[in-house]
Protein backbone atom coordinates (compact mmCIF):
# COMPACT_ATOMS: atom_id res chain seq x y z
CA MET A 1 -65.15 32.20 140.04
CA THR A 2 -67.98 32.62 136.95
CA PRO A 3 -68.64 36.30 136.42
CA PRO A 4 -72.32 37.12 136.34
CA ASP A 5 -74.28 37.94 133.42
CA PRO A 6 -73.46 41.52 132.35
CA THR A 7 -76.46 41.93 131.37
CA GLY A 8 -78.83 39.92 133.56
CA ARG A 9 -81.01 38.77 130.56
CA LEU A 10 -79.03 37.71 127.77
CA SER A 11 -80.53 34.30 127.72
CA ALA A 12 -83.58 35.92 126.70
CA ALA A 13 -83.71 34.77 122.82
CA VAL A 14 -84.71 37.37 120.22
CA PRO A 15 -87.35 35.07 118.16
CA LEU A 16 -85.86 34.21 114.97
CA GLY A 17 -86.68 35.79 112.10
CA ARG A 18 -87.30 34.50 108.55
CA LEU A 19 -85.41 35.40 105.59
CA SER A 20 -86.53 35.61 102.29
CA ALA A 21 -85.21 36.29 98.97
CA ALA A 22 -88.50 38.21 97.77
CA VAL A 23 -88.76 40.40 100.50
CA PRO A 24 -85.48 42.51 101.08
CA LEU A 25 -84.86 43.42 104.72
CA GLY A 26 -84.62 46.90 105.92
CA ARG A 27 -81.69 48.64 107.90
CA LEU A 28 -81.35 48.45 111.39
CA SER A 29 -82.33 51.68 113.08
CA ALA A 30 -83.98 53.13 116.13
CA ALA A 31 -87.43 52.56 114.80
CA ALA A 32 -86.74 49.10 113.67
CA THR A 33 -84.73 47.89 116.73
CA PRO A 34 -87.16 45.24 117.87
CA PRO A 35 -88.01 46.25 121.90
CA ALA A 36 -87.33 42.74 123.12
CA ALA A 37 -83.34 43.18 121.99
CA LEU A 38 -82.41 46.10 123.70
CA LEU A 39 -80.30 45.61 126.95
CA HIS A 40 -81.82 48.78 128.23
CA GLN A 41 -85.07 50.83 128.00
CA ARG A 42 -84.35 54.57 128.86
CA ALA A 43 -84.02 57.89 126.94
CA LEU A 44 -80.67 57.83 125.40
CA PRO A 45 -78.30 59.97 128.42
CA PRO A 46 -76.41 62.50 127.36
CA THR A 47 -72.34 62.02 126.54
CA GLY A 48 -70.43 61.05 129.74
CA ILE A 49 -67.90 58.80 127.84
CA VAL A 50 -65.74 59.23 125.08
CA HIS A 51 -64.18 56.48 123.74
CA LEU A 52 -61.20 56.02 121.76
CA GLY A 53 -60.92 52.65 119.40
CA LEU A 54 -64.27 52.18 117.67
CA GLY A 55 -63.64 48.29 117.25
CA ASN A 56 -65.73 45.31 117.99
CA PHE A 57 -64.16 44.84 121.38
CA HIS A 58 -65.58 48.08 122.71
CA ARG A 59 -68.91 47.52 121.24
CA ALA A 60 -68.96 44.18 122.97
CA HIS A 61 -67.38 44.56 125.88
CA GLN A 62 -67.59 48.08 127.64
CA ALA A 63 -70.75 49.05 125.92
CA VAL A 64 -72.83 46.27 126.81
CA HIS A 65 -71.67 46.56 130.63
CA THR A 66 -72.78 50.26 130.05
CA ALA A 67 -76.08 49.56 128.77
CA ALA A 68 -76.72 46.63 131.59
CA ALA A 69 -75.80 49.95 134.25
CA LEU A 70 -77.97 52.06 132.72
CA ALA A 71 -80.64 49.49 132.44
CA ALA A 72 -80.18 49.39 136.62
CA GLU A 73 -79.74 52.87 137.32
CA ASP A 74 -79.96 55.81 134.83
CA GLY A 75 -76.86 58.72 134.38
CA PRO A 76 -75.15 60.55 131.94
CA TRP A 77 -73.65 57.89 131.03
CA GLY A 78 -73.67 57.90 127.04
CA ILE A 79 -70.90 56.97 124.94
CA LEU A 80 -69.31 59.05 121.73
CA GLY A 81 -67.47 56.61 119.90
CA VAL A 82 -64.37 57.42 117.95
CA ALA A 83 -62.50 55.61 115.44
CA SER A 84 -59.21 56.02 114.94
CA HIS A 85 -58.73 56.26 110.94
CA SER A 86 -61.31 54.09 109.51
CA ALA A 87 -64.66 55.37 109.00
CA ALA A 88 -66.29 52.19 108.15
CA VAL A 89 -67.82 51.48 111.48
CA ALA A 90 -68.67 54.92 112.27
CA ASP A 91 -70.52 55.99 109.26
CA ALA A 92 -72.36 52.29 109.74
CA LEU A 93 -73.27 53.55 113.05
CA ARG A 94 -74.50 56.70 111.79
CA GLU A 95 -76.56 55.52 108.88
CA GLN A 96 -78.07 52.86 111.64
CA ASP A 97 -79.12 55.40 114.13
CA LEU A 98 -75.95 54.36 116.44
CA ARG A 99 -77.49 50.94 117.03
CA TYR A 100 -76.03 47.38 116.07
CA ALA A 101 -76.30 43.85 117.25
CA VAL A 102 -74.09 41.71 119.82
CA LEU A 103 -74.26 38.23 118.89
CA GLU A 104 -73.71 36.12 121.92
CA LEU A 105 -72.86 32.68 120.46
CA SER A 106 -72.18 29.43 121.84
CA PRO A 107 -72.64 25.79 120.12
CA GLY A 108 -76.49 25.42 119.68
CA ARG A 109 -77.52 28.90 120.69
CA THR A 110 -77.46 32.38 119.66
CA GLU A 111 -78.34 35.72 121.23
CA ALA A 112 -79.02 39.01 119.89
CA VAL A 113 -78.65 42.00 121.79
CA VAL A 114 -78.88 45.63 121.16
CA PRO A 115 -76.87 47.98 123.61
CA ALA A 116 -77.84 51.57 122.24
CA VAL A 117 -75.42 53.60 124.02
CA HIS A 118 -73.85 55.47 122.11
CA THR A 119 -74.59 59.37 121.45
CA GLY A 120 -72.55 59.84 118.21
CA ALA A 121 -69.44 58.03 115.85
CA LEU A 122 -66.55 60.27 114.86
CA VAL A 123 -63.34 59.25 113.03
CA ALA A 124 -60.49 61.28 114.62
CA SER A 125 -58.15 61.22 111.48
CA ARG A 126 -61.41 63.15 109.81
CA GLU A 127 -63.13 65.26 112.44
CA PRO A 128 -60.16 65.99 114.98
CA GLU A 129 -61.61 69.46 116.06
CA ALA A 130 -65.05 67.39 117.19
CA VAL A 131 -63.10 64.63 118.79
CA LEU A 132 -60.75 67.30 120.98
CA ASP A 133 -64.06 69.37 121.60
CA ALA A 134 -65.63 66.05 122.91
CA LEU A 135 -62.50 65.56 125.32
CA ALA A 136 -62.55 69.14 126.18
CA ALA A 137 -66.60 69.33 126.88
CA PRO A 138 -67.94 69.78 130.53
CA GLY A 139 -70.21 66.57 130.23
CA THR A 140 -67.21 64.50 129.64
CA ARG A 141 -66.13 62.76 132.66
CA ILE A 142 -64.53 59.51 131.27
CA VAL A 143 -62.03 58.62 128.52
CA THR A 144 -62.03 54.97 127.79
CA LEU A 145 -59.62 53.66 125.18
CA THR A 146 -59.55 50.23 123.34
CA VAL A 147 -56.68 50.91 120.60
CA THR A 148 -54.73 47.74 121.11
CA GLU A 149 -51.08 47.51 122.63
CA HIS A 150 -49.79 49.02 119.50
CA GLY A 151 -52.00 52.48 119.75
CA TYR A 152 -49.83 53.59 123.02
CA THR A 153 -46.58 54.19 120.85
CA PHE A 154 -44.22 53.05 123.36
CA ALA A 155 -40.85 51.46 122.32
CA PRO A 156 -40.82 47.87 122.58
CA ARG A 157 -37.25 47.83 123.92
CA THR A 158 -37.67 50.13 127.08
CA GLY A 159 -41.55 50.25 127.58
CA GLN A 160 -40.98 54.07 127.33
CA LEU A 161 -42.71 56.90 125.08
CA ASP A 162 -41.24 56.27 121.31
CA LEU A 163 -40.09 59.88 120.58
CA ASP A 164 -38.73 58.52 117.43
CA HIS A 165 -42.32 57.53 116.24
CA ALA A 166 -43.05 60.09 113.73
CA GLY A 167 -46.69 60.31 114.89
CA VAL A 168 -45.43 61.21 117.99
CA ARG A 169 -42.84 63.70 117.18
CA ALA A 170 -45.40 65.09 114.92
CA ASP A 171 -47.91 65.30 117.72
CA LEU A 172 -45.23 66.86 120.32
CA ARG A 173 -44.48 70.11 117.57
CA GLY A 174 -47.90 70.33 116.96
CA ASP A 175 -48.14 70.02 113.74
CA GLY A 176 -51.91 69.87 112.42
CA PRO A 177 -54.49 67.38 114.11
CA PRO A 178 -53.17 64.45 116.89
CA ARG A 179 -52.08 61.78 114.68
CA THR A 180 -51.41 59.23 117.98
CA THR A 181 -53.93 58.30 121.20
CA LEU A 182 -51.46 60.03 123.32
CA GLY A 183 -51.23 63.33 121.46
CA LEU A 184 -55.33 63.34 121.09
CA ILE A 185 -55.76 62.92 124.75
CA VAL A 186 -52.81 65.01 126.04
CA ARG A 187 -54.05 67.77 123.50
CA GLY A 188 -57.63 67.21 124.94
CA LEU A 189 -56.47 67.97 128.31
CA GLN A 190 -54.50 70.63 127.62
CA ARG A 191 -57.86 72.18 126.15
CA ARG A 192 -59.76 71.11 129.38
CA ALA A 193 -57.15 72.40 131.62
CA ARG A 194 -57.07 76.21 129.26
CA ALA A 195 -60.93 76.02 129.82
CA GLY A 196 -61.04 75.55 133.59
CA ALA A 197 -62.87 72.05 133.24
CA ALA A 198 -62.74 69.75 135.65
CA PRO A 199 -60.47 66.55 135.76
CA ILE A 200 -61.66 63.39 134.33
CA THR A 201 -60.62 59.90 134.46
CA VAL A 202 -58.82 58.29 131.49
CA LEU A 203 -59.46 54.74 131.61
CA SER A 204 -57.40 52.16 129.60
CA CYS A 205 -59.23 48.95 128.75
CA ASP A 206 -56.07 47.45 126.56
CA ASN A 207 -54.15 44.31 127.63
CA LEU A 208 -51.31 45.79 129.27
CA MET A 209 -50.17 44.90 132.43
CA ALA A 210 -50.90 47.89 135.12
CA ASN A 211 -52.72 49.62 132.30
CA GLY A 212 -53.62 52.35 134.08
CA HIS A 213 -50.44 53.40 135.51
CA THR A 214 -48.86 52.80 132.21
CA THR A 215 -51.10 55.06 130.42
CA ALA A 216 -50.38 57.63 133.07
CA ARG A 217 -46.71 57.12 132.62
CA LEU A 218 -46.96 57.58 128.77
CA VAL A 219 -49.19 60.49 129.12
CA GLY A 220 -46.56 61.97 131.45
CA GLU A 221 -43.40 61.41 129.38
CA PHE A 222 -45.64 62.85 126.39
CA ALA A 223 -46.59 65.93 128.77
CA ALA A 224 -42.98 66.04 129.80
CA ALA A 225 -41.56 66.54 126.24
CA LEU A 226 -43.58 69.22 125.29
CA PRO A 227 -42.33 72.56 124.95
CA ALA A 228 -41.58 74.17 128.42
CA ALA A 229 -44.47 76.82 128.57
CA GLU A 230 -47.31 74.06 127.73
CA ARG A 231 -45.49 71.60 130.20
CA ASP A 232 -45.84 73.95 132.97
CA GLU A 233 -49.26 74.69 132.05
CA LEU A 234 -50.28 71.46 131.87
CA ALA A 235 -48.95 69.88 134.76
CA PRO A 236 -51.24 70.99 137.37
CA TYR A 237 -54.34 69.52 135.60
CA LEU A 238 -52.43 66.15 135.04
CA ALA A 239 -52.06 66.03 139.08
CA GLY A 240 -56.03 65.80 139.24
CA VAL A 241 -56.82 62.93 136.32
CA ALA A 242 -57.68 59.80 137.20
CA PHE A 243 -55.84 56.49 135.57
CA PRO A 244 -57.53 53.41 136.92
CA ASN A 245 -56.25 50.00 136.13
CA SER A 246 -58.89 47.78 134.74
CA MET A 247 -58.82 44.18 133.40
CA VAL A 248 -60.96 43.01 130.42
CA ASP A 249 -61.82 39.78 129.30
CA ARG A 250 -64.27 38.68 126.51
CA ILE A 251 -63.24 36.83 123.05
CA VAL A 252 -64.48 39.05 119.93
CA PRO A 253 -63.96 37.75 116.76
CA ALA A 254 -64.00 39.74 113.19
CA THR A 255 -67.44 40.49 111.94
CA THR A 256 -67.77 38.80 108.65
CA ASP A 257 -70.78 38.24 106.12
CA ALA A 258 -72.10 35.24 108.24
CA TYR A 259 -72.58 37.01 111.24
CA ARG A 260 -74.36 39.78 109.27
CA ASP A 261 -77.08 37.07 107.79
CA LEU A 262 -76.94 35.61 111.56
CA ALA A 263 -78.21 39.03 112.62
CA ALA A 264 -80.50 39.57 109.96
CA ALA A 265 -81.86 36.51 110.99
CA ARG A 266 -82.18 37.17 114.71
CA LEU A 267 -83.25 40.84 114.05
CA GLY A 268 -85.45 40.77 111.18
CA VAL A 269 -83.46 43.64 109.93
CA ARG A 270 -79.72 44.17 108.29
CA ASP A 271 -77.18 45.32 110.65
CA ALA A 272 -73.91 46.01 108.46
CA ILE A 273 -71.64 46.08 111.30
CA PRO A 274 -72.96 43.10 114.14
CA VAL A 275 -70.09 42.21 116.62
CA PRO A 276 -69.75 38.47 117.40
CA ALA A 277 -68.80 37.38 120.93
CA GLU A 278 -68.65 34.87 123.15
CA PRO A 279 -71.23 34.85 126.01
CA PHE A 280 -68.23 35.09 128.81
CA SER A 281 -67.42 38.74 129.61
CA MET A 282 -65.51 40.00 132.55
CA TRP A 283 -64.31 43.34 133.88
CA VAL A 284 -62.28 44.37 136.86
CA ILE A 285 -61.70 48.00 137.79
CA GLU A 286 -59.86 49.97 140.43
CA ASP A 287 -62.61 52.60 141.81
CA THR A 288 -60.64 55.36 141.66
CA PHE A 289 -62.27 57.90 139.26
CA ALA A 290 -61.82 61.91 139.38
CA ALA A 291 -65.62 62.52 138.27
CA GLY A 292 -68.08 59.85 138.90
CA ARG A 293 -68.84 57.10 136.67
CA PRO A 294 -71.82 54.42 136.02
CA ALA A 295 -73.20 52.04 138.32
CA TRP A 296 -70.70 49.44 136.20
CA GLU A 297 -71.33 46.99 139.47
CA ARG A 298 -74.87 46.48 138.55
CA GLY A 299 -73.85 45.72 135.31
CA GLY A 300 -71.55 43.02 136.25
CA VAL A 301 -68.36 44.83 136.74
CA LEU A 302 -66.51 43.83 139.60
CA PHE A 303 -64.53 46.74 141.36
CA ALA A 304 -61.57 45.79 143.62
CA ALA A 305 -58.64 47.49 145.26
CA ASP A 306 -56.08 45.81 143.48
CA VAL A 307 -56.43 44.54 139.91
CA GLY A 308 -53.23 43.12 139.40
CA PRO A 309 -53.46 39.67 140.28
CA TYR A 310 -56.42 39.85 137.81
CA GLU A 311 -54.84 41.55 135.17
CA LEU A 312 -51.90 38.92 135.51
CA LEU A 313 -53.85 35.55 135.59
CA LYS A 314 -55.78 36.63 132.50
CA LEU A 315 -52.89 38.44 130.53
CA ARG A 316 -50.53 35.27 131.12
CA LEU A 317 -52.89 32.49 131.31
CA LEU A 318 -55.71 33.11 129.05
CA ASN A 319 -53.45 35.89 126.35
CA GLY A 320 -50.11 34.31 126.66
CA THR A 321 -51.78 30.63 126.20
CA HIS A 322 -54.14 32.18 123.50
CA SER A 323 -50.86 33.23 121.09
CA LEU A 324 -49.36 30.02 121.68
CA ILE A 325 -52.62 28.40 120.54
CA ALA A 326 -52.88 30.81 117.52
CA TYR A 327 -49.20 30.44 116.42
CA LEU A 328 -49.09 26.39 116.56
CA GLY A 329 -52.64 26.16 115.40
CA ALA A 330 -51.64 28.11 112.53
CA LEU A 331 -48.45 26.53 111.41
CA ASP A 332 -50.39 23.08 111.93
CA GLY A 333 -52.98 24.47 108.94
CA ALA A 334 -56.00 25.36 111.29
CA ALA A 335 -58.03 28.04 110.52
CA THR A 336 -59.53 28.79 113.98
CA ILE A 337 -58.72 28.97 117.68
CA PRO A 338 -61.38 25.74 118.14
CA GLU A 339 -59.89 23.83 115.35
CA ALA A 340 -56.01 24.71 116.75
CA VAL A 341 -57.15 23.62 120.63
CA GLU A 342 -58.80 20.44 119.40
CA ARG A 343 -55.76 19.18 117.99
CA PRO A 344 -53.82 17.15 120.49
CA ALA A 345 -50.44 18.17 120.14
CA VAL A 346 -51.72 22.06 120.31
CA HIS A 347 -53.96 21.12 123.51
CA GLU A 348 -51.04 19.49 125.20
CA ALA A 349 -48.77 22.40 124.50
CA ALA A 350 -51.19 25.02 125.94
CA LEU A 351 -51.97 22.92 128.94
CA ARG A 352 -48.23 22.55 129.87
CA VAL A 353 -47.43 26.29 129.21
CA LEU A 354 -50.19 27.55 130.85
CA ARG A 355 -50.09 24.87 134.08
CA ASP A 356 -46.14 24.63 134.60
CA GLU A 357 -44.85 28.03 133.15
CA TYR A 358 -47.39 30.72 133.07
CA LEU A 359 -49.29 29.54 136.70
CA PRO A 360 -46.21 29.53 138.84
CA THR A 361 -45.53 33.21 138.27
CA VAL A 362 -49.16 34.43 139.22
CA THR A 363 -50.57 35.17 142.35
CA VAL A 364 -53.99 33.81 141.89
CA PRO A 365 -57.29 35.85 143.53
CA ALA A 366 -58.86 34.56 146.71
CA ASP A 367 -62.38 34.03 144.44
CA ILE A 368 -60.45 32.28 141.63
CA ASP A 369 -60.66 28.58 141.73
CA VAL A 370 -57.70 27.97 139.40
CA ALA A 371 -58.86 24.26 138.31
CA ASP A 372 -62.44 25.91 137.19
CA TYR A 373 -60.50 28.77 135.59
CA THR A 374 -58.46 26.57 133.60
CA ARG A 375 -61.48 24.29 132.57
CA GLN A 376 -63.07 27.71 131.68
CA LEU A 377 -60.48 28.91 129.54
CA PHE A 378 -60.65 25.38 127.31
CA SER A 379 -63.97 25.61 127.24
CA ARG A 380 -63.91 29.08 126.02
CA TRP A 381 -61.19 28.20 123.41
CA ALA A 382 -63.01 25.37 122.12
CA ASN A 383 -66.13 27.43 121.43
CA SER A 384 -67.15 26.50 117.62
CA ALA A 385 -69.53 29.09 116.95
CA LEU A 386 -67.15 31.99 117.39
CA GLY A 387 -64.79 30.63 114.54
CA HIS A 388 -62.10 33.22 116.06
CA ARG A 389 -59.26 33.13 113.35
CA THR A 390 -55.29 32.11 114.45
CA SER A 391 -54.22 34.94 112.29
CA GLN A 392 -56.66 37.62 114.04
CA VAL A 393 -55.13 36.16 117.71
CA GLY A 394 -51.71 35.99 116.10
CA SER A 395 -51.38 39.18 114.65
CA ASP A 396 -49.30 42.18 116.63
CA GLY A 397 -47.37 39.52 118.08
CA SER A 398 -44.19 41.97 118.45
CA VAL A 399 -46.04 43.82 120.86
CA LYS A 400 -48.38 40.92 122.33
CA LEU A 401 -45.77 38.60 123.70
CA ALA A 402 -43.46 41.59 124.87
CA GLN A 403 -46.15 42.03 127.49
CA ARG A 404 -46.73 37.92 128.20
CA VAL A 405 -43.54 36.14 128.08
CA PRO A 406 -40.70 38.08 129.05
CA GLU A 407 -41.57 38.32 132.73
CA PRO A 408 -42.47 34.82 133.61
CA ALA A 409 -39.52 33.24 131.20
CA LEU A 410 -37.34 35.54 133.74
CA VAL A 411 -38.75 33.85 136.95
CA HIS A 412 -38.20 30.18 135.26
CA LEU A 413 -34.58 31.12 133.95
CA ASN A 414 -33.60 33.14 137.30
CA ALA A 415 -34.69 30.20 139.16
CA GLY A 416 -32.50 27.83 137.20
CA ARG A 417 -35.16 26.14 134.89
CA LEU A 418 -35.38 26.62 131.22
CA PRO A 419 -39.18 27.39 130.12
CA HIS A 420 -39.83 25.15 127.17
CA HIS A 421 -43.19 26.30 126.24
CA LEU A 422 -42.75 29.76 126.42
CA ALA A 423 -39.72 29.15 124.01
CA LEU A 424 -42.04 27.41 121.89
CA THR A 425 -44.12 30.13 121.96
CA VAL A 426 -41.47 32.76 120.94
CA ALA A 427 -40.29 29.93 118.48
CA GLY A 428 -43.81 29.79 116.76
CA TYR A 429 -44.10 33.43 116.68
CA LEU A 430 -41.03 33.70 114.40
CA CYS A 431 -42.11 31.17 112.38
CA CYS A 432 -45.40 32.58 111.35
CA VAL A 433 -44.32 36.19 111.15
CA ALA A 434 -40.85 35.73 109.67
CA PRO A 435 -40.45 32.09 108.27
CA PRO A 436 -36.85 30.93 107.93
CA GLU A 437 -35.73 30.84 104.03
CA GLY A 438 -37.02 28.06 102.07
CA PHE A 439 -40.07 27.26 104.92
CA ASP A 440 -43.83 28.14 104.08
CA PRO A 441 -46.21 28.48 107.29
CA GLY A 442 -49.05 28.44 105.54
CA PRO A 443 -51.91 30.74 104.67
CA HIS A 444 -52.92 31.58 108.06
CA ALA A 445 -49.54 32.62 109.21
CA ALA A 446 -49.08 34.36 106.04
CA ALA A 447 -52.23 36.29 107.18
CA MET A 448 -50.68 37.65 110.41
CA ALA A 449 -49.81 41.28 110.50
CA ASP A 450 -47.33 42.45 112.84
CA PRO A 451 -45.46 46.07 112.68
CA THR A 452 -42.10 44.25 112.97
CA GLY A 453 -42.94 42.05 110.64
CA ARG A 454 -40.36 43.15 107.69
CA ARG A 455 -37.54 44.01 110.14
CA LEU A 456 -38.03 40.46 111.11
CA ALA A 457 -38.27 39.06 107.70
CA ALA A 458 -34.96 41.01 106.81
CA LEU A 459 -33.38 38.64 109.44
CA ALA A 460 -34.80 35.81 108.62
CA GLY A 461 -32.49 34.75 105.57
CA ARG A 462 -29.57 33.79 108.04
CA PRO A 463 -28.97 30.38 109.84
CA VAL A 464 -31.24 29.66 112.32
CA GLY A 465 -29.04 30.27 115.40
CA GLU A 466 -28.10 33.71 113.84
CA PHE A 467 -31.68 34.64 112.67
CA VAL A 468 -33.14 34.05 116.10
CA ARG A 469 -30.36 35.76 117.96
CA ALA A 470 -30.58 38.78 115.76
CA ALA A 471 -34.55 38.84 116.35
CA LEU A 472 -33.94 38.77 120.11
CA GLY A 473 -31.05 41.17 119.89
CA THR A 474 -33.70 43.89 118.05
CA GLY A 475 -35.29 44.47 121.75
CA LEU A 476 -38.31 42.39 120.31
CA LEU A 477 -38.87 40.99 123.87
CA GLY A 478 -37.12 43.57 126.05
CA THR A 479 -33.26 42.91 126.72
CA ALA A 480 -33.04 41.12 130.19
CA LEU A 481 -34.21 38.03 128.22
CA ALA A 482 -32.13 38.44 125.18
CA ALA A 483 -29.43 38.31 127.45
CA HIS A 484 -30.26 34.61 128.25
CA GLU A 485 -28.03 32.42 125.91
CA ALA A 486 -29.86 29.14 127.17
CA PHE A 487 -33.44 30.88 126.28
CA THR A 488 -31.86 31.88 122.83
CA GLU A 489 -30.48 28.53 121.89
CA ARG A 490 -33.84 26.55 122.72
CA VAL A 491 -36.02 28.96 121.03
CA ALA A 492 -33.79 28.75 117.76
CA GLU A 493 -33.75 24.61 118.43
CA LEU A 494 -37.20 24.65 118.53
CA VAL A 495 -37.61 27.08 115.30
CA GLY A 496 -35.43 24.14 113.45
CA VAL A 497 -37.83 21.61 114.68
CA LEU A 498 -40.89 23.77 113.45
CA VAL A 499 -39.40 23.88 109.80
CA SER A 500 -38.00 20.14 109.70
CA HIS A 501 -40.46 18.35 111.63
CA GLY A 502 -43.47 20.02 112.37
CA VAL A 503 -45.76 21.24 115.30
CA GLY A 504 -46.24 17.45 116.73
CA VAL A 505 -42.58 16.88 116.99
CA ALA A 506 -41.77 20.33 118.42
CA VAL A 507 -44.15 19.89 121.30
CA GLN A 508 -43.27 16.67 121.72
CA GLU A 509 -39.58 17.83 121.99
CA ALA A 510 -40.89 20.60 124.40
CA ALA A 511 -42.92 18.22 126.68
CA ASP A 512 -39.87 15.58 126.76
CA ALA A 513 -37.22 18.52 128.11
CA ALA A 514 -39.49 19.87 130.59
CA PHE A 515 -40.32 16.33 131.59
CA SER A 516 -36.77 15.34 132.40
CA ILE A 517 -36.24 18.65 134.05
CA ASP A 518 -39.58 17.89 136.40
CA THR A 519 -37.89 14.21 137.03
CA THR A 520 -34.40 15.73 137.56
CA ALA A 521 -35.73 18.60 140.43
CA SER A 522 -37.98 15.33 141.84
């Protein structure tokens, strides 16, 4: 299935402007936005959505689909964007009348569109009271989130709220403004309850399996850990809050000066914060909202009674394979995902992990053709116009892989099969973020950020087998997978091959072992 164009008009190019060093370009603003670039022509609606996580993905995904919905049907669905700590995007938005461009990139073609749906931009750490007031405002009906997996402050070993997290502890005590996403949400809901405001919808748009259920559970765990009087006061209100599951999909790289120049060429004005993105965009949501929603179905969104199969398909086939491409590509010297997937060894490993190890663990939705979906994924990864960096995709792997690897690996292990390419994914990750002593993983791996990087690096001086056993023993991928000695040993063997012989040999080793299993089974 190919999802509809979320805007219905993205193929309409904005004429290419001419840059001139002699005539400096002005800044993007409401007055300076080319009318042809606007995704809707309506007056800016009042705030109905508060979005936590004012990064590139939100601005290229939820904002674009909302603009497309508003173009089709008016409503009170302006978005107040909230950054967690960094003020760069929020301040730039304010300086540009809350306008920015989305650059939709494919080889030989660039489109520039301006969503124009934001009603404000705040920074939670700088303006906490304003954010809490917005969450509690009567007009707020939906709170959306793109804070990455790391932003949910759960313990990787258990998946439960991390009560040892300093920010969580401070938020539970009420020591000053909220420091965590969950603290911000719960304190905002608490204000709504005290003010008698109607329950709202909290809509996670992050790559968590059953993200709505997970968010509801973590919010509930946070509320349950509050002092008894606060817990009991909030409980009846929480019962009316909706937490739909959703699946989001769009490749959105980081902004660079090259993209700023490209936006200027397209718009004829300077945009400090354009967002590059692929043309593809998909959003699947369960239609369980507490207080209404935009007409998102008219903006390219698919509503489904069960989002789970779409989530799992994307989380494993796209995200899981994407991680493997990033780690092997970085170790092989590839700066970008397109460079990586062009390399025969990386391409082969990606195809094998997707087809042979992830795909058998999912139920494919009836409207998805797997062969078409697979071809589309490889085409998207090969989009050289994006330049999605391996270091960006590989960052935060400890949180990402915990969502992607354990369950499918356990499916195979419990059936008596050793998933060699899932083991290769973990081996590649460890070589990138905690390289064994004396091994240089290269600059792209070194640029990957990871919350457990220091802890794993402290273990990396041990012999490879001990290192891998200790790393998995930290709860990196949960306790159930760590209990499978055969998987741990296979990861250690592949770490050794990557270190001693490189990516090509490791991929061949994994493929040979998998082929041996296939022929034995047949």
